[in-house]
Amino acid sequence: MSLATAQLPSDPDALRAFATALQAELYAKTLHVEKLKAQLATLRRARFGQSSEKLDRQIDLLELIIGDLEEAEAASEARQGAAAEMPGTVTAPTKPQRMGNRRPLPDHLPREIITHAGVCACPACGSGRLRKIGDDEREVLEYVPSHFKVVVHVRPKLSCRDCEAITQPPMPSLPIERGRPGQGLIAHVLVSKYCDHLPLNRQSGIYAREGVDLDRSTLADWVGRAARLAAPVAERIGDYARAGPAIHADDTPIPVQDPGRGRTRSGRLWVVVRDEGPWGSPNPPAAFYRYSPDRKGEHAQALLAPASGFLHADAYAGFDKLYEPDPITGRPRLEPVACWAHARRELFDEHARTKSDTSNYRLSRPVRIAPSAVTA
């Protein structure tokens, strides 16, 4: 029962105690109301504010507009330059050509040297007594289109003249037994699909322009078999990433096709990151990904089951079981490490709602991390 509807006591001491309890209840309700207001403001910004998808579309559109303007300007400069080179043509003065900050071409690229033959006689006097005084070099970046080739493995059969035994060298191991694709082709298909985001049907069309007929179903079969071959390597990377003394974990929603329903549903992509470079450790960084169809806590707990030490993550409730004390040692297997980005988000939401000086002061202050937190 609320104290607001209770009967007032007549005893002075009891009345003072009643007033103290009433103040505590009022303060608790005030805090609850402020919390609800903050949640409402956050939801309103999430619903009516500018979403990241809309912002990404505006950025893409702006980049397209800037690209069109730069292309049109380059074409105009090229036309003016061509007109100026024509004899007897008077053109208006143009602005000086932009001098780009050219970076040197990478040293690892192969170099092809083309030496241009000089003249046999002096164009000025016709003399043939010419001597070399130096060379001018200019590097031009060129692209050699990728191409297919057929590798023919020839294995001679040898018959013994004495015992008539037949021997033959074994066939080299192939990624797909009795299959035609080489390891370089399979690697190219995988990189194009997962790194360059080229669907298999588009890859099939690209290869068809080269005169190579590869159906989408064939490419899908190669991808599935390659995934089985790469699974042990991926698991070893996951073991290494989760063996770090301090790891990072998070999940992000990804749209997944929902066959038969004509739309997509939301799946989850989980990641575990090990990066000890800021501590001065020589151990290389690593990232391990795993997919789940939903965001149940069991997926996070299964992903981080082999891990121990410190976990840098958000306040997702699915991680809570990982912080529970071990029944034998009494200590949790994973110690939670707070995320400054998520803490700052709450301060930003409060500042956006109230414009208070306190929240603005906290947002403007630099984050200072104790040395013990870094060495942990």
Protein backbone atom coordinates (compact mmCIF):
# COMPACT_ATOMS: atom_id res chain seq x y z
CA MET A 1 0.00 0.00 0.00
CA SER A 2 1.27 3.46 -0.84
CA LEU A 3 2.02 5.88 1.99
CA ALA A 4 0.01 8.55 0.18
CA THR A 5 -3.26 6.84 1.14
CA ALA A 6 -2.20 5.78 4.65
CA GLN A 7 -3.66 7.44 7.76
CA LEU A 8 -1.43 10.01 9.44
CA PRO A 9 -0.19 8.99 12.92
CA SER A 10 -0.85 11.24 15.91
CA ASP A 11 2.42 10.55 17.74
CA PRO A 12 5.12 13.17 16.87
CA ASP A 13 7.92 10.58 16.54
CA ALA A 14 5.77 8.33 14.43
CA LEU A 15 4.77 11.31 12.32
CA ARG A 16 8.43 12.21 11.69
CA ALA A 17 9.16 8.60 10.69
CA PHE A 18 6.12 8.66 8.42
CA ALA A 19 7.35 11.87 6.76
CA THR A 20 10.82 10.36 6.21
CA ALA A 21 9.32 7.25 4.59
CA LEU A 22 7.05 9.41 2.46
CA GLN A 23 10.04 11.43 1.24
CA ALA A 24 11.90 8.22 0.33
CA GLU A 25 8.89 6.91 -1.60
CA LEU A 26 8.50 10.23 -3.40
CA TYR A 27 12.19 10.25 -4.34
CA ALA A 28 11.99 6.68 -5.67
CA LYS A 29 8.96 7.54 -7.78
CA THR A 30 10.70 10.67 -9.09
CA LEU A 31 13.67 8.58 -10.18
CA HIS A 32 11.33 6.09 -11.85
CA VAL A 33 9.57 8.87 -13.74
CA GLU A 34 12.88 10.31 -14.92
CA LYS A 35 13.97 6.86 -16.09
CA LEU A 36 10.74 6.43 -18.05
CA LYS A 37 11.20 9.87 -19.63
CA ALA A 38 14.73 8.97 -20.69
CA GLN A 39 13.54 5.71 -22.22
CA LEU A 40 10.73 7.51 -24.04
CA ALA A 41 13.13 10.11 -25.45
CA THR A 42 15.47 7.35 -26.65
CA LEU A 43 12.63 5.51 -28.34
CA ARG A 44 11.37 8.68 -29.99
CA ARG A 45 14.81 9.44 -31.41
CA ALA A 46 15.10 5.86 -32.63
CA ARG A 47 11.68 6.07 -34.32
CA PHE A 48 11.61 9.60 -35.67
CA GLY A 49 15.31 10.47 -35.75
CA GLN A 50 17.59 10.02 -38.69
CA SER A 51 18.53 6.35 -38.91
CA SER A 52 21.95 5.13 -39.93
CA GLU A 53 20.50 3.56 -43.10
CA LYS A 54 19.11 6.92 -44.24
CA LEU A 55 22.40 8.59 -43.39
CA ASP A 56 24.30 5.97 -45.39
CA ARG A 57 22.03 6.55 -48.38
CA GLN A 58 22.61 10.30 -48.17
CA ILE A 59 26.38 9.75 -47.98
CA ASP A 60 26.26 7.44 -51.01
CA LEU A 61 24.18 9.97 -52.94
CA LEU A 62 26.57 12.78 -52.02
CA GLU A 63 29.54 10.70 -53.17
CA LEU A 64 27.80 10.04 -56.50
CA ILE A 65 27.12 13.76 -56.98
CA ILE A 66 30.72 14.67 -56.15
CA GLY A 67 31.98 11.97 -58.52
CA ASP A 68 29.80 13.28 -61.35
CA LEU A 69 31.05 16.84 -60.80
CA GLU A 70 34.70 15.73 -60.76
CA GLU A 71 34.22 13.66 -63.92
CA ALA A 72 32.54 16.55 -65.71
CA GLU A 73 35.33 18.92 -64.65
CA ALA A 74 38.01 16.49 -65.88
CA ALA A 75 36.23 16.08 -69.23
CA SER A 76 35.98 19.87 -69.63
CA GLU A 77 39.69 20.33 -68.89
CA ALA A 78 40.54 17.58 -71.40
CA ARG A 79 38.46 19.29 -74.13
CA GLN A 80 40.08 22.65 -73.43
CA GLY A 81 43.53 21.08 -73.53
CA ALA A 82 42.83 19.40 -76.85
CA ALA A 83 41.48 22.63 -78.32
CA ALA A 84 44.56 24.57 -77.17
CA GLU A 85 46.86 22.13 -78.98
CA MET A 86 45.16 22.68 -82.34
CA PRO A 87 47.09 25.17 -84.52
CA GLY A 88 45.42 28.51 -85.16
CA THR A 89 42.96 28.07 -82.32
CA VAL A 90 42.49 30.83 -79.74
CA THR A 91 41.12 29.64 -76.43
CA ALA A 92 40.31 31.41 -73.23
CA PRO A 93 42.89 31.14 -70.47
CA THR A 94 42.22 28.20 -68.19
CA LYS A 95 43.01 27.72 -64.57
CA PRO A 96 46.29 25.97 -63.81
CA GLN A 97 46.18 22.20 -63.81
CA ARG A 98 45.74 20.60 -60.43
CA MET A 99 48.87 18.97 -59.12
CA GLY A 100 47.86 15.80 -57.35
CA ASN A 101 49.78 14.47 -54.41
CA ARG A 102 50.94 11.31 -56.14
CA ARG A 103 52.19 8.53 -53.98
CA PRO A 104 54.95 6.31 -55.35
CA LEU A 105 53.83 3.09 -56.99
CA PRO A 106 54.26 0.01 -54.79
CA ASP A 107 57.65 -1.66 -54.97
CA HIS A 108 56.21 -5.17 -54.97
CA LEU A 109 54.59 -4.73 -58.39
CA PRO A 110 56.50 -6.32 -61.28
CA ARG A 111 58.20 -3.86 -63.61
CA GLU A 112 58.21 -4.12 -67.39
CA ILE A 113 60.94 -2.01 -68.99
CA ILE A 114 60.20 -0.59 -72.45
CA THR A 115 63.21 1.13 -73.99
CA HIS A 116 62.38 3.50 -76.81
CA ALA A 117 65.00 3.68 -79.57
CA GLY A 118 66.55 7.09 -80.15
CA VAL A 119 67.04 8.83 -83.47
CA CYS A 120 69.94 7.85 -85.75
CA ALA A 121 70.79 11.41 -86.76
CA CYS A 122 70.56 14.81 -85.14
CA PRO A 123 67.29 16.51 -86.15
CA ALA A 124 69.01 19.92 -86.01
CA CYS A 125 72.10 19.39 -88.20
CA GLY A 126 71.80 15.86 -89.55
CA SER A 127 74.99 14.62 -87.93
CA GLY A 128 75.14 10.96 -86.95
CA ARG A 129 77.65 11.48 -84.14
CA LEU A 130 75.33 11.10 -81.13
CA ARG A 131 76.31 10.06 -77.63
CA LYS A 132 74.09 9.07 -74.70
CA ILE A 133 74.00 11.53 -71.80
CA GLY A 134 71.23 10.01 -69.67
CA ASP A 135 67.75 8.52 -69.45
CA ASP A 136 64.35 9.85 -68.45
CA GLU A 137 62.01 7.35 -66.82
CA ARG A 138 58.26 7.60 -66.32
CA GLU A 139 56.20 4.97 -64.54
CA VAL A 140 52.71 4.15 -65.84
CA LEU A 141 50.38 1.97 -63.79
CA GLU A 142 48.76 -0.69 -65.96
CA TYR A 143 46.24 -3.45 -65.31
CA VAL A 144 46.47 -6.95 -66.74
CA PRO A 145 43.00 -8.57 -66.79
CA SER A 146 42.70 -11.91 -65.06
CA HIS A 147 42.31 -14.89 -67.30
CA PHE A 148 41.55 -18.57 -67.18
CA LYS A 149 43.98 -21.29 -68.13
CA VAL A 150 43.80 -25.07 -68.33
CA VAL A 151 46.41 -27.03 -66.42
CA VAL A 152 46.90 -30.50 -67.93
CA HIS A 153 48.36 -33.13 -65.58
CA VAL A 154 50.16 -35.80 -67.62
CA ARG A 155 51.02 -38.99 -65.73
CA PRO A 156 52.93 -41.49 -67.83
CA LYS A 157 52.26 -45.18 -67.35
CA LEU A 158 55.40 -47.33 -67.16
CA SER A 159 55.48 -51.08 -67.69
CA CYS A 160 58.27 -53.27 -66.39
CA ARG A 161 59.80 -55.48 -69.11
CA ASP A 162 60.76 -58.12 -66.56
CA CYS A 163 57.72 -58.53 -64.30
CA GLU A 164 55.17 -56.58 -66.40
CA ALA A 165 54.17 -54.46 -63.41
CA ILE A 166 52.63 -51.10 -64.33
CA THR A 167 53.55 -47.99 -62.34
CA GLN A 168 52.27 -44.44 -62.59
CA PRO A 169 52.95 -41.29 -60.53
CA PRO A 170 50.01 -40.35 -58.27
CA MET A 171 47.68 -37.50 -59.13
CA PRO A 172 48.38 -34.37 -57.05
CA SER A 173 45.82 -33.63 -54.35
CA LEU A 174 43.00 -31.34 -55.48
CA PRO A 175 40.63 -29.25 -53.32
CA ILE A 176 37.66 -31.15 -54.77
CA GLU A 177 38.37 -34.78 -55.51
CA ARG A 178 37.48 -35.67 -59.10
CA GLY A 179 36.62 -32.00 -59.60
CA ARG A 180 37.91 -29.59 -62.18
CA PRO A 181 38.56 -26.36 -60.22
CA GLY A 182 42.06 -25.58 -59.06
CA GLN A 183 42.85 -24.03 -55.72
CA GLY A 184 43.45 -20.61 -57.28
CA LEU A 185 40.03 -20.58 -58.96
CA ILE A 186 38.24 -21.65 -55.77
CA ALA A 187 40.07 -18.97 -53.78
CA HIS A 188 39.03 -16.35 -56.35
CA VAL A 189 35.37 -17.41 -56.15
CA LEU A 190 35.42 -17.22 -52.34
CA VAL A 191 37.13 -13.83 -52.22
CA SER A 192 34.73 -12.45 -54.83
CA LYS A 193 31.71 -13.70 -52.87
CA TYR A 194 32.68 -12.87 -49.29
CA CYS A 195 35.12 -9.95 -49.66
CA ASP A 196 33.88 -8.22 -52.81
CA HIS A 197 30.20 -9.16 -52.19
CA LEU A 198 29.69 -10.56 -55.69
CA PRO A 199 26.83 -13.10 -55.70
CA LEU A 200 27.45 -16.35 -57.49
CA ASN A 201 24.99 -15.55 -60.26
CA ARG A 202 26.93 -12.37 -61.09
CA GLN A 203 30.19 -14.27 -61.05
CA SER A 204 28.67 -16.77 -63.46
CA GLY A 205 27.86 -13.93 -65.86
CA ILE A 206 31.37 -12.47 -65.54
CA TYR A 207 32.96 -15.80 -66.37
CA ALA A 208 30.59 -16.29 -69.30
CA ARG A 209 32.08 -13.18 -70.93
CA GLU A 210 35.40 -15.03 -70.91
CA GLY A 211 33.80 -17.97 -72.70
CA VAL A 212 33.75 -20.19 -69.59
CA ASP A 213 30.35 -21.63 -68.71
CA LEU A 214 30.07 -22.07 -64.92
CA ASP A 215 26.52 -22.40 -63.57
CA ARG A 216 25.58 -20.83 -60.28
CA SER A 217 24.78 -24.28 -58.86
CA THR A 218 28.30 -25.44 -59.76
CA LEU A 219 29.85 -22.43 -58.02
CA ALA A 220 27.63 -23.03 -54.98
CA ASP A 221 28.86 -26.62 -54.78
CA TRP A 222 32.46 -25.39 -54.86
CA VAL A 223 31.77 -22.86 -52.08
CA GLY A 224 30.16 -25.50 -49.87
CA ARG A 225 33.02 -27.95 -50.30
CA ALA A 226 35.60 -25.21 -49.74
CA ALA A 227 33.83 -24.20 -46.54
CA ARG A 228 34.25 -27.75 -45.23
CA LEU A 229 37.96 -27.66 -46.07
CA ALA A 230 38.45 -24.26 -44.41
CA ALA A 231 36.44 -25.12 -41.27
CA PRO A 232 39.41 -26.58 -39.30
CA VAL A 233 41.49 -23.48 -40.03
CA ALA A 234 38.63 -21.22 -38.92
CA GLU A 235 38.20 -23.20 -35.70
CA ARG A 236 41.92 -22.90 -34.91
CA ILE A 237 41.65 -19.14 -35.40
CA GLY A 238 38.67 -19.18 -33.02
CA ASP A 239 40.65 -21.13 -30.42
CA TYR A 240 43.48 -18.61 -30.63
CA ALA A 241 41.16 -15.60 -30.42
CA ARG A 242 39.35 -16.98 -27.36
CA ALA A 243 42.62 -17.91 -25.62
CA GLY A 244 43.59 -14.29 -25.09
CA PRO A 245 43.73 -12.89 -21.55
CA ALA A 246 41.35 -10.08 -22.57
CA ILE A 247 38.95 -10.42 -25.47
CA HIS A 248 36.19 -8.37 -27.08
CA ALA A 249 32.81 -9.79 -28.08
CA ASP A 250 29.75 -8.32 -29.77
CA ASP A 251 26.97 -9.17 -32.20
CA THR A 252 25.34 -7.33 -35.07
CA PRO A 253 22.09 -7.96 -36.96
CA ILE A 254 22.32 -8.98 -40.60
CA PRO A 255 19.48 -9.45 -43.11
CA VAL A 256 19.04 -13.08 -44.12
CA GLN A 257 16.92 -14.30 -47.00
CA ASP A 258 13.78 -16.12 -45.93
CA PRO A 259 12.89 -18.44 -48.83
CA GLY A 260 9.22 -18.82 -49.58
CA ARG A 261 8.15 -15.64 -47.79
CA GLY A 262 9.49 -13.07 -50.24
CA ARG A 263 11.37 -11.03 -47.66
CA THR A 264 14.33 -11.16 -45.31
CA ARG A 265 14.59 -11.90 -41.63
CA SER A 266 17.16 -10.76 -39.08
CA GLY A 267 20.03 -13.07 -38.17
CA ARG A 268 23.01 -12.44 -35.92
CA LEU A 269 26.73 -12.38 -36.62
CA TRP A 270 28.84 -12.84 -33.50
CA VAL A 271 32.49 -11.84 -33.29
CA VAL A 272 35.32 -12.47 -30.85
CA VAL A 273 38.35 -10.20 -31.22
CA ARG A 274 41.79 -10.60 -29.68
CA ASP A 275 44.05 -7.57 -30.02
CA GLU A 276 46.90 -7.16 -27.56
CA GLY A 277 48.82 -4.64 -29.65
CA PRO A 278 47.91 -1.67 -27.41
CA TRP A 279 49.58 -3.52 -24.51
CA GLY A 280 52.80 -3.97 -26.45
CA SER A 281 52.27 -7.70 -26.90
CA PRO A 282 53.90 -9.42 -29.92
CA ASN A 283 50.89 -11.74 -30.32
CA PRO A 284 49.11 -11.05 -33.64
CA PRO A 285 45.48 -9.89 -33.58
CA ALA A 286 42.68 -12.20 -34.66
CA ALA A 287 38.91 -12.12 -35.19
CA PHE A 288 36.54 -15.09 -35.18
CA TYR A 289 32.97 -14.94 -36.51
CA ARG A 290 29.99 -17.20 -36.00
CA TYR A 291 26.40 -16.95 -37.25
CA SER A 292 23.18 -17.64 -35.39
CA PRO A 293 19.56 -17.30 -36.57
CA ASP A 294 18.55 -15.36 -33.44
CA ARG A 295 19.99 -13.53 -30.43
CA LYS A 296 19.41 -16.05 -27.67
CA GLY A 297 21.91 -16.00 -24.84
CA GLU A 298 22.87 -19.61 -25.47
CA HIS A 299 24.71 -18.58 -28.63
CA ALA A 300 26.90 -16.09 -26.76
CA GLN A 301 27.56 -18.61 -24.00
CA ALA A 302 28.52 -21.35 -26.48
CA LEU A 303 30.78 -18.97 -28.39
CA LEU A 304 32.68 -17.91 -25.27
CA ALA A 305 32.62 -21.24 -23.43
CA PRO A 306 36.39 -21.86 -23.87
CA ALA A 307 37.35 -18.27 -22.92
CA SER A 308 38.65 -17.05 -19.58
CA GLY A 309 40.05 -13.77 -18.31
CA PHE A 310 38.49 -10.40 -19.12
CA LEU A 311 35.55 -9.85 -21.48
CA HIS A 312 35.03 -6.43 -23.02
CA ALA A 313 31.39 -6.37 -24.14
CA ASP A 314 28.14 -4.46 -23.84
CA ALA A 315 25.45 -4.99 -21.24
CA TYR A 316 23.63 -7.73 -23.17
CA ALA A 317 21.95 -10.07 -20.68
CA GLY A 318 23.12 -13.11 -22.63
CA PHE A 319 26.63 -12.56 -21.26
CA ASP A 320 25.49 -12.59 -17.61
CA LYS A 321 25.89 -16.33 -17.10
CA LEU A 322 29.51 -16.06 -18.15
CA TYR A 323 30.17 -13.78 -15.17
CA GLU A 324 28.73 -16.14 -12.55
CA PRO A 325 31.21 -17.50 -9.96
CA ASP A 326 32.62 -20.94 -10.54
CA PRO A 327 31.24 -23.46 -8.00
CA ILE A 328 34.74 -24.83 -7.35
CA THR A 329 36.99 -21.79 -7.31
CA GLY A 330 34.35 -19.24 -6.33
CA ARG A 331 35.64 -16.84 -9.00
CA PRO A 332 33.99 -16.06 -12.34
CA ARG A 333 35.65 -17.49 -15.40
CA LEU A 334 35.20 -14.17 -17.20
CA GLU A 335 35.45 -10.73 -15.59
CA PRO A 336 33.25 -8.08 -17.24
CA VAL A 337 35.02 -4.97 -18.56
CA ALA A 338 32.77 -1.98 -19.10
CA CYS A 339 32.50 -0.43 -22.55
CA TRP A 340 33.18 3.31 -22.64
CA ALA A 341 31.21 3.71 -25.87
CA HIS A 342 28.03 2.30 -24.31
CA ALA A 343 28.52 4.37 -21.15
CA ARG A 344 28.94 7.50 -23.24
CA ARG A 345 25.79 6.65 -25.17
CA GLU A 346 23.70 6.93 -22.00
CA LEU A 347 25.28 10.31 -21.23
CA PHE A 348 24.59 11.47 -24.77
CA ASP A 349 20.94 10.40 -24.53
CA GLU A 350 20.60 12.29 -21.25
CA HIS A 351 22.23 15.40 -22.72
CA ALA A 352 20.04 15.24 -25.82
CA ARG A 353 16.96 15.06 -23.60
CA THR A 354 17.78 17.62 -20.89
CA LYS A 355 20.69 19.72 -22.30
CA SER A 356 22.08 19.75 -18.76
CA ASP A 357 25.51 21.20 -18.02
CA THR A 358 26.49 18.09 -16.06
CA SER A 359 26.00 15.70 -18.97
CA ASN A 360 27.70 18.14 -21.33
CA TYR A 361 30.68 18.34 -18.97
CA ARG A 362 30.95 14.54 -18.82
CA LEU A 363 30.78 14.25 -22.61
CA SER A 364 33.54 16.82 -23.09
CA ARG A 365 35.93 15.26 -20.56
CA PRO A 366 38.63 12.90 -21.95
CA VAL A 367 38.49 9.29 -20.84
CA ARG A 368 41.32 8.35 -18.51
CA ILE A 369 42.13 4.67 -18.10
CA ALA A 370 44.00 3.44 -15.08
CA PRO A 371 47.30 1.63 -15.78
CA SER A 372 45.96 -1.46 -14.02
CA ALA A 373 43.12 -1.68 -16.53
CA VAL A 374 45.57 -1.55 -19.43
CA THR A 375 47.90 -4.19 -18.04
CA ALA A 376 44.97 -6.45 -17.21
